[in-house]
PDB file of all heavy atoms in Angstrom:
ATOM      1  N   ILE A   1       0.861  -1.180   0.000  1.00  0.00           N
ATOM      2  CA  ILE A   1       0.000   0.000   0.000  1.00  0.00           C
ATOM      3  C   ILE A   1       0.900   1.233   0.000  1.00  0.00           C
ATOM      4  O   ILE A   1       1.643   1.471   0.946  1.00  0.00           O
ATOM      5  CB  ILE A   1      -0.919   0.030   1.240  1.00  0.00           C
ATOM      6  CG1 ILE A   1      -1.786  -1.229   1.269  1.00  0.00           C
ATOM      7  CG2 ILE A   1      -1.774   1.284   1.245  1.00  0.00           C
ATOM      8  CD1 ILE A   1      -2.522  -1.420   2.570  1.00  0.00           C
ATOM      9  N   ALA A   2       0.833   2.008  -1.068  1.00  0.00           N
ATOM     10  CA  ALA A   2       1.664   3.216  -1.159  1.00  0.00           C
ATOM     11  C   ALA A   2       0.757   4.432  -1.307  1.00  0.00           C
ATOM     12  O   ALA A   2      -0.222   4.398  -2.043  1.00  0.00           O
ATOM     13  CB  ALA A   2       2.617   3.127  -2.341  1.00  0.00           C
ATOM     14  N   LEU A   3       1.078   5.493  -0.612  1.00  0.00           N
ATOM     15  CA  LEU A   3       0.317   6.736  -0.689  1.00  0.00           C
ATOM     16  C   LEU A   3       0.948   7.655  -1.729  1.00  0.00           C
ATOM     17  O   LEU A   3       1.768   8.501  -1.414  1.00  0.00           O
ATOM     18  CB  LEU A   3       0.268   7.426   0.677  1.00  0.00           C
ATOM     19  CG  LEU A   3      -0.313   6.604   1.816  1.00  0.00           C
ATOM     20  CD1 LEU A   3      -0.186   7.356   3.122  1.00  0.00           C
ATOM     21  CD2 LEU A   3      -1.763   6.295   1.528  1.00  0.00           C
ATOM     22  N   HIS A   4       0.605   7.462  -2.954  1.00  0.00           N
ATOM     23  CA  HIS A   4       1.108   8.235  -4.093  1.00  0.00           C
ATOM     24  C   HIS A   4       2.621   8.158  -4.237  1.00  0.00           C
ATOM     25  O   HIS A   4       3.227   9.028  -4.838  1.00  0.00           O
ATOM     26  CB  HIS A   4       0.659   9.693  -4.018  1.00  0.00           C
ATOM     27  CG  HIS A   4      -0.816   9.861  -4.107  1.00  0.00           C
ATOM     28  ND1 HIS A   4      -1.509   9.691  -5.273  1.00  0.00           N
ATOM     29  CD2 HIS A   4      -1.737  10.148  -3.166  1.00  0.00           C
ATOM     30  CE1 HIS A   4      -2.795   9.886  -5.052  1.00  0.00           C
ATOM     31  NE2 HIS A   4      -2.961  10.162  -3.779  1.00  0.00           N
ATOM     32  N   GLY A   5       3.228   7.161  -3.657  1.00  0.00           N
ATOM     33  CA  GLY A   5       4.638   6.840  -3.830  1.00  0.00           C
ATOM     34  C   GLY A   5       5.590   8.016  -3.915  1.00  0.00           C
ATOM     35  O   GLY A   5       5.754   8.767  -2.962  1.00  0.00           O
ATOM     36  N   GLN A   6       6.209   8.164  -5.075  1.00  0.00           N
ATOM     37  CA  GLN A   6       7.279   9.152  -5.263  1.00  0.00           C
ATOM     38  C   GLN A   6       6.770  10.581  -5.100  1.00  0.00           C
ATOM     39  O   GLN A   6       7.451  11.419  -4.528  1.00  0.00           O
ATOM     40  CB  GLN A   6       7.918   8.968  -6.632  1.00  0.00           C
ATOM     41  CG  GLN A   6       9.141   9.830  -6.837  1.00  0.00           C
ATOM     42  CD  GLN A   6       9.789   9.572  -8.186  1.00  0.00           C
ATOM     43  OE1 GLN A   6       9.242   8.878  -9.035  1.00  0.00           O
ATOM     44  NE2 GLN A   6      10.954  10.138  -8.390  1.00  0.00           N
ATOM     45  N   GLN A   7       5.576  10.863  -5.583  1.00  0.00           N
ATOM     46  CA  GLN A   7       5.009  12.206  -5.459  1.00  0.00           C
ATOM     47  C   GLN A   7       4.857  12.590  -3.987  1.00  0.00           C
ATOM     48  O   GLN A   7       5.145  13.716  -3.592  1.00  0.00           O
ATOM     49  CB  GLN A   7       3.660  12.265  -6.165  1.00  0.00           C
ATOM     50  CG  GLN A   7       2.956  13.600  -6.041  1.00  0.00           C
ATOM     51  CD  GLN A   7       1.545  13.550  -6.600  1.00  0.00           C
ATOM     52  OE1 GLN A   7       1.054  12.507  -7.016  1.00  0.00           O
ATOM     53  NE2 GLN A   7       0.882  14.688  -6.600  1.00  0.00           N
ATOM     54  N   PHE A   8       4.445  11.654  -3.174  1.00  0.00           N
ATOM     55  CA  PHE A   8       4.258  11.879  -1.745  1.00  0.00           C
ATOM     56  C   PHE A   8       5.581  12.239  -1.077  1.00  0.00           C
ATOM     57  O   PHE A   8       5.681  13.208  -0.332  1.00  0.00           O
ATOM     58  CB  PHE A   8       3.651  10.622  -1.122  1.00  0.00           C
ATOM     59  CG  PHE A   8       3.392  10.734   0.350  1.00  0.00           C
ATOM     60  CD1 PHE A   8       2.361  11.503   0.833  1.00  0.00           C
ATOM     61  CD2 PHE A   8       4.196  10.059   1.250  1.00  0.00           C
ATOM     62  CE1 PHE A   8       2.113  11.588   2.189  1.00  0.00           C
ATOM     63  CE2 PHE A   8       3.957  10.140   2.601  1.00  0.00           C
ATOM     64  CZ  PHE A   8       2.914  10.906   3.074  1.00  0.00           C
ATOM     65  N   PHE A   9       6.624  11.443  -1.371  1.00  0.00           N
ATOM     66  CA  PHE A   9       7.919  11.696  -0.749  1.00  0.00           C
ATOM     67  C   PHE A   9       8.578  12.967  -1.284  1.00  0.00           C
ATOM     68  O   PHE A   9       9.300  13.640  -0.558  1.00  0.00           O
ATOM     69  CB  PHE A   9       8.833  10.474  -0.900  1.00  0.00           C
ATOM     70  CG  PHE A   9       8.445   9.356   0.029  1.00  0.00           C
ATOM     71  CD1 PHE A   9       7.803   8.226  -0.455  1.00  0.00           C
ATOM     72  CD2 PHE A   9       8.674   9.454   1.384  1.00  0.00           C
ATOM     73  CE1 PHE A   9       7.423   7.213   0.405  1.00  0.00           C
ATOM     74  CE2 PHE A   9       8.292   8.446   2.253  1.00  0.00           C
ATOM     75  CZ  PHE A   9       7.670   7.324   1.759  1.00  0.00           C
ATOM     76  N   MET A  10       8.325  13.315  -2.541  1.00  0.00           N
ATOM     77  CA  MET A  10       8.848  14.579  -3.074  1.00  0.00           C
ATOM     78  C   MET A  10       8.203  15.762  -2.354  1.00  0.00           C
ATOM     79  O   MET A  10       8.857  16.752  -2.057  1.00  0.00           O
ATOM     80  CB  MET A  10       8.592  14.677  -4.580  1.00  0.00           C
ATOM     81  CG  MET A  10       9.594  13.922  -5.417  1.00  0.00           C
ATOM     82  SD  MET A  10      11.300  14.469  -5.126  1.00  0.00           S
ATOM     83  CE  MET A  10      11.246  16.129  -5.750  1.00  0.00           C
ATOM     84  N   SER A  11       6.913  15.642  -2.084  1.00  0.00           N
ATOM     85  CA  SER A  11       6.213  16.695  -1.360  1.00  0.00           C
ATOM     86  C   SER A  11       6.796  16.866   0.040  1.00  0.00           C
ATOM     87  O   SER A  11       7.052  17.988   0.491  1.00  0.00           O
ATOM     88  CB  SER A  11       4.724  16.365  -1.282  1.00  0.00           C
ATOM     89  OG  SER A  11       4.030  17.346  -0.571  1.00  0.00           O
ATOM     90  N   ILE A  12       7.047  15.769   0.726  1.00  0.00           N
ATOM     91  CA  ILE A  12       7.650  15.825   2.060  1.00  0.00           C
ATOM     92  C   ILE A  12       9.046  16.436   1.988  1.00  0.00           C
ATOM     93  O   ILE A  12       9.409  17.276   2.811  1.00  0.00           O
ATOM     94  CB  ILE A  12       7.692  14.422   2.696  1.00  0.00           C
ATOM     95  CG1 ILE A  12       6.277  13.969   3.041  1.00  0.00           C
ATOM     96  CG2 ILE A  12       8.566  14.408   3.947  1.00  0.00           C
ATOM     97  CD1 ILE A  12       6.186  12.552   3.532  1.00  0.00           C
ATOM     98  N   ALA A  13       9.822  16.045   0.981  1.00  0.00           N
ATOM     99  CA  ALA A  13      11.178  16.578   0.826  1.00  0.00           C
ATOM    100  C   ALA A  13      11.134  18.087   0.619  1.00  0.00           C
ATOM    101  O   ALA A  13      11.973  18.827   1.155  1.00  0.00           O
ATOM    102  CB  ALA A  13      11.888  15.892  -0.332  1.00  0.00           C
ATOM    103  N   LYS A  14      10.175  18.572  -0.152  1.00  0.00           N
ATOM    104  CA  LYS A  14      10.051  20.022  -0.385  1.00  0.00           C
ATOM    105  C   LYS A  14       9.708  20.759   0.901  1.00  0.00           C
ATOM    106  O   LYS A  14      10.235  21.840   1.169  1.00  0.00           O
ATOM    107  CB  LYS A  14       9.002  20.290  -1.459  1.00  0.00           C
ATOM    108  CG  LYS A  14       9.457  19.916  -2.849  1.00  0.00           C
ATOM    109  CD  LYS A  14       8.370  20.175  -3.866  1.00  0.00           C
ATOM    110  CE  LYS A  14       8.810  19.767  -5.261  1.00  0.00           C
ATOM    111  NZ  LYS A  14       7.764  20.054  -6.267  1.00  0.00           N
ATOM    112  N   PHE A  15       8.832  20.176   1.709  1.00  0.00           N
ATOM    113  CA  PHE A  15       8.481  20.817   2.976  1.00  0.00           C
ATOM    114  C   PHE A  15       9.666  20.835   3.936  1.00  0.00           C
ATOM    115  O   PHE A  15       9.892  21.828   4.624  1.00  0.00           O
ATOM    116  CB  PHE A  15       7.277  20.125   3.626  1.00  0.00           C
ATOM    117  CG  PHE A  15       5.988  20.434   2.942  1.00  0.00           C
ATOM    118  CD1 PHE A  15       5.257  19.430   2.335  1.00  0.00           C
ATOM    119  CD2 PHE A  15       5.503  21.727   2.884  1.00  0.00           C
ATOM    120  CE1 PHE A  15       4.064  19.712   1.690  1.00  0.00           C
ATOM    121  CE2 PHE A  15       4.316  22.021   2.242  1.00  0.00           C
ATOM    122  CZ  PHE A  15       3.598  21.007   1.643  1.00  0.00           C
ATOM    123  N   ILE A  16      10.410  19.751   3.973  1.00  0.00           N
ATOM    124  CA  ILE A  16      11.593  19.706   4.837  1.00  0.00           C
ATOM    125  C   ILE A  16      12.614  20.736   4.375  1.00  0.00           C
ATOM    126  O   ILE A  16      13.206  21.456   5.194  1.00  0.00           O
ATOM    127  CB  ILE A  16      12.196  18.285   4.865  1.00  0.00           C
ATOM    128  CG1 ILE A  16      11.266  17.346   5.620  1.00  0.00           C
ATOM    129  CG2 ILE A  16      13.588  18.280   5.488  1.00  0.00           C
ATOM    130  CD1 ILE A  16      11.643  15.888   5.533  1.00  0.00           C
ATOM    131  N   PHE A  17      12.824  20.840   3.064  1.00  0.00           N
ATOM    132  CA  PHE A  17      13.767  21.826   2.531  1.00  0.00           C
ATOM    133  C   PHE A  17      13.323  23.242   2.886  1.00  0.00           C
ATOM    134  O   PHE A  17      14.137  24.074   3.309  1.00  0.00           O
ATOM    135  CB  PHE A  17      13.906  21.668   1.015  1.00  0.00           C
ATOM    136  CG  PHE A  17      14.832  22.669   0.406  1.00  0.00           C
ATOM    137  CD1 PHE A  17      16.203  22.491   0.471  1.00  0.00           C
ATOM    138  CD2 PHE A  17      14.338  23.797  -0.225  1.00  0.00           C
ATOM    139  CE1 PHE A  17      17.072  23.420  -0.068  1.00  0.00           C
ATOM    140  CE2 PHE A  17      15.191  24.737  -0.775  1.00  0.00           C
ATOM    141  CZ  PHE A  17      16.559  24.545  -0.701  1.00  0.00           C
ATOM    142  N   SER A  18      12.038  23.529   2.729  1.00  0.00           N
ATOM    143  CA  SER A  18      11.520  24.865   3.055  1.00  0.00           C
ATOM    144  C   SER A  18      11.677  25.174   4.540  1.00  0.00           C
ATOM    145  O   SER A  18      12.053  26.286   4.916  1.00  0.00           O
ATOM    146  CB  SER A  18      10.050  24.984   2.663  1.00  0.00           C
ATOM    147  OG  SER A  18       9.898  24.925   1.279  1.00  0.00           O
ATOM    148  N   ALA A  19      11.390  24.194   5.386  1.00  0.00           N
ATOM    149  CA  ALA A  19      11.517  24.408   6.829  1.00  0.00           C
ATOM    150  C   ALA A  19      12.977  24.614   7.226  1.00  0.00           C
ATOM    151  O   ALA A  19      13.285  25.480   8.052  1.00  0.00           O
ATOM    152  CB  ALA A  19      10.931  23.229   7.583  1.00  0.00           C
ATOM    153  N   ALA A  20      13.884  23.844   6.628  1.00  0.00           N
ATOM    154  CA  ALA A  20      15.310  24.004   6.931  1.00  0.00           C
ATOM    155  C   ALA A  20      15.814  25.357   6.448  1.00  0.00           C
ATOM    156  O   ALA A  20      16.595  26.028   7.140  1.00  0.00           O
ATOM    157  CB  ALA A  20      16.115  22.871   6.296  1.00  0.00           C
ATOM    158  N   THR A  21      15.373  25.773   5.276  1.00  0.00           N
ATOM    159  CA  THR A  21      15.757  27.087   4.746  1.00  0.00           C
ATOM    160  C   THR A  21      15.267  28.189   5.673  1.00  0.00           C
ATOM    161  O   THR A  21      16.007  29.123   5.995  1.00  0.00           O
ATOM    162  CB  THR A  21      15.173  27.292   3.334  1.00  0.00           C
ATOM    163  OG1 THR A  21      15.647  26.248   2.490  1.00  0.00           O
ATOM    164  CG2 THR A  21      15.561  28.637   2.764  1.00  0.00           C
ATOM    165  N   MET A  22      14.015  28.080   6.107  1.00  0.00           N
ATOM    166  CA  MET A  22      13.446  29.077   7.007  1.00  0.00           C
ATOM    167  C   MET A  22      14.230  29.119   8.318  1.00  0.00           C
ATOM    168  O   MET A  22      14.578  30.200   8.808  1.00  0.00           O
ATOM    169  CB  MET A  22      11.984  28.754   7.293  1.00  0.00           C
ATOM    170  CG  MET A  22      11.328  29.711   8.275  1.00  0.00           C
ATOM    171  SD  MET A  22       9.689  29.203   8.793  1.00  0.00           S
ATOM    172  CE  MET A  22      10.056  27.726   9.722  1.00  0.00           C
ATOM    173  N   ALA A  23      14.531  27.963   8.891  1.00  0.00           N
ATOM    174  CA  ALA A  23      15.263  27.921  10.165  1.00  0.00           C
ATOM    175  C   ALA A  23      16.647  28.550  10.018  1.00  0.00           C
ATOM    176  O   ALA A  23      17.073  29.335  10.871  1.00  0.00           O
ATOM    177  CB  ALA A  23      15.391  26.481  10.649  1.00  0.00           C
ATOM    178  N   PHE A  24      17.339  28.227   8.936  1.00  0.00           N
ATOM    179  CA  PHE A  24      18.670  28.777   8.716  1.00  0.00           C
ATOM    180  C   PHE A  24      18.616  30.295   8.539  1.00  0.00           C
ATOM    181  O   PHE A  24      19.421  31.031   9.134  1.00  0.00           O
ATOM    182  CB  PHE A  24      19.317  28.119   7.491  1.00  0.00           C
ATOM    183  CG  PHE A  24      20.676  28.649   7.175  1.00  0.00           C
ATOM    184  CD1 PHE A  24      21.756  28.371   8.002  1.00  0.00           C
ATOM    185  CD2 PHE A  24      20.892  29.439   6.052  1.00  0.00           C
ATOM    186  CE1 PHE A  24      23.016  28.866   7.717  1.00  0.00           C
ATOM    187  CE2 PHE A  24      22.142  29.939   5.760  1.00  0.00           C
ATOM    188  CZ  PHE A  24      23.205  29.654   6.592  1.00  0.00           C
ATOM    189  N   MET A  25      17.674  30.771   7.746  1.00  0.00           N
ATOM    190  CA  MET A  25      17.558  32.215   7.513  1.00  0.00           C
ATOM    191  C   MET A  25      17.169  32.955   8.804  1.00  0.00           C
ATOM    192  O   MET A  25      17.689  34.031   9.072  1.00  0.00           O
ATOM    193  CB  MET A  25      16.528  32.493   6.408  1.00  0.00           C
ATOM    194  CG  MET A  25      16.940  31.965   5.050  1.00  0.00           C
ATOM    195  SD  MET A  25      18.478  32.704   4.442  1.00  0.00           S
ATOM    196  CE  MET A  25      17.941  34.350   4.120  1.00  0.00           C
ATOM    197  N   LEU A  26      16.282  32.378   9.596  1.00  0.00           N
ATOM    198  CA  LEU A  26      15.909  33.011  10.859  1.00  0.00           C
ATOM    199  C   LEU A  26      17.087  33.052  11.823  1.00  0.00           C
ATOM    200  O   LEU A  26      17.266  34.030  12.558  1.00  0.00           O
ATOM    201  CB  LEU A  26      14.719  32.300  11.502  1.00  0.00           C
ATOM    202  CG  LEU A  26      13.385  32.499  10.804  1.00  0.00           C
ATOM    203  CD1 LEU A  26      12.301  31.677  11.492  1.00  0.00           C
ATOM    204  CD2 LEU A  26      12.999  33.962  10.749  1.00  0.00           C
ATOM    205  N   TYR A  27      17.896  32.016  11.806  1.00  0.00           N
ATOM    206  CA  TYR A  27      19.105  32.012  12.633  1.00  0.00           C
ATOM    207  C   TYR A  27      20.029  33.149  12.208  1.00  0.00           C
ATOM    208  O   TYR A  27      20.563  33.879  13.044  1.00  0.00           O
ATOM    209  CB  TYR A  27      19.815  30.663  12.529  1.00  0.00           C
ATOM    210  CG  TYR A  27      21.131  30.640  13.247  1.00  0.00           C
ATOM    211  CD1 TYR A  27      21.174  30.514  14.633  1.00  0.00           C
ATOM    212  CD2 TYR A  27      22.328  30.770  12.554  1.00  0.00           C
ATOM    213  CE1 TYR A  27      22.381  30.507  15.305  1.00  0.00           C
ATOM    214  CE2 TYR A  27      23.542  30.760  13.218  1.00  0.00           C
ATOM    215  CZ  TYR A  27      23.568  30.633  14.589  1.00  0.00           C
ATOM    216  OH  TYR A  27      24.760  30.638  15.245  1.00  0.00           O
ATOM    217  N   LEU A  28      20.218  33.317  10.904  1.00  0.00           N
ATOM    218  CA  LEU A  28      21.079  34.396  10.404  1.00  0.00           C
ATOM    219  C   LEU A  28      20.519  35.766  10.763  1.00  0.00           C
ATOM    220  O   LEU A  28      21.267  36.664  11.157  1.00  0.00           O
ATOM    221  CB  LEU A  28      21.256  34.282   8.892  1.00  0.00           C
ATOM    222  CG  LEU A  28      22.070  33.103   8.378  1.00  0.00           C
ATOM    223  CD1 LEU A  28      22.116  33.115   6.854  1.00  0.00           C
ATOM    224  CD2 LEU A  28      23.476  33.112   8.963  1.00  0.00           C
ATOM    225  N   ILE A  29      19.205  35.929  10.631  1.00  0.00           N
ATOM    226  CA  ILE A  29      18.577  37.213  10.978  1.00  0.00           C
ATOM    227  C   ILE A  29      18.769  37.504  12.461  1.00  0.00           C
ATOM    228  O   ILE A  29      19.111  38.623  12.854  1.00  0.00           O
ATOM    229  CB  ILE A  29      17.079  37.193  10.624  1.00  0.00           C
ATOM    230  CG1 ILE A  29      16.892  37.175   9.107  1.00  0.00           C
ATOM    231  CG2 ILE A  29      16.356  38.390  11.234  1.00  0.00           C
ATOM    232  CD1 ILE A  29      15.461  36.904   8.664  1.00  0.00           C
ATOM    233  N   GLN A  30      18.569  36.500  13.294  1.00  0.00           N
ATOM    234  CA  GLN A  30      18.678  36.688  14.736  1.00  0.00           C
ATOM    235  C   GLN A  30      20.106  37.042  15.154  1.00  0.00           C
ATOM    236  O   GLN A  30      20.310  37.706  16.163  1.00  0.00           O
ATOM    237  CB  GLN A  30      18.218  35.430  15.458  1.00  0.00           C
ATOM    238  CG  GLN A  30      18.087  35.617  16.939  1.00  0.00           C
ATOM    239  CD  GLN A  30      17.570  34.361  17.617  1.00  0.00           C
ATOM    240  OE1 GLN A  30      17.445  33.303  17.022  1.00  0.00           O
ATOM    241  NE2 GLN A  30      17.261  34.491  18.887  1.00  0.00           N
ATOM    242  N   GLN A  31      21.104  36.618  14.401  1.00  0.00           N
ATOM    243  CA  GLN A  31      22.497  36.881  14.749  1.00  0.00           C
ATOM    244  C   GLN A  31      22.979  38.268  14.323  1.00  0.00           C
ATOM    245  O   GLN A  31      24.068  38.673  14.690  1.00  0.00           O
ATOM    246  CB  GLN A  31      23.405  35.816  14.119  1.00  0.00           C
ATOM    247  CG  GLN A  31      23.136  34.416  14.617  1.00  0.00           C
ATOM    248  CD  GLN A  31      23.269  34.308  16.124  1.00  0.00           C
ATOM    249  OE1 GLN A  31      24.232  34.758  16.706  1.00  0.00           O
ATOM    250  NE2 GLN A  31      22.267  33.717  16.757  1.00  0.00           N
TER     251      GLN A  31
END
């Protein structure tokens, strides 16, 4: 049973990338 397989994991990867980018940029702003 797969939940849209590759498309699903690509979506998760994009969200993780966006969250990591946001965290890194906020760290830089705070410094």
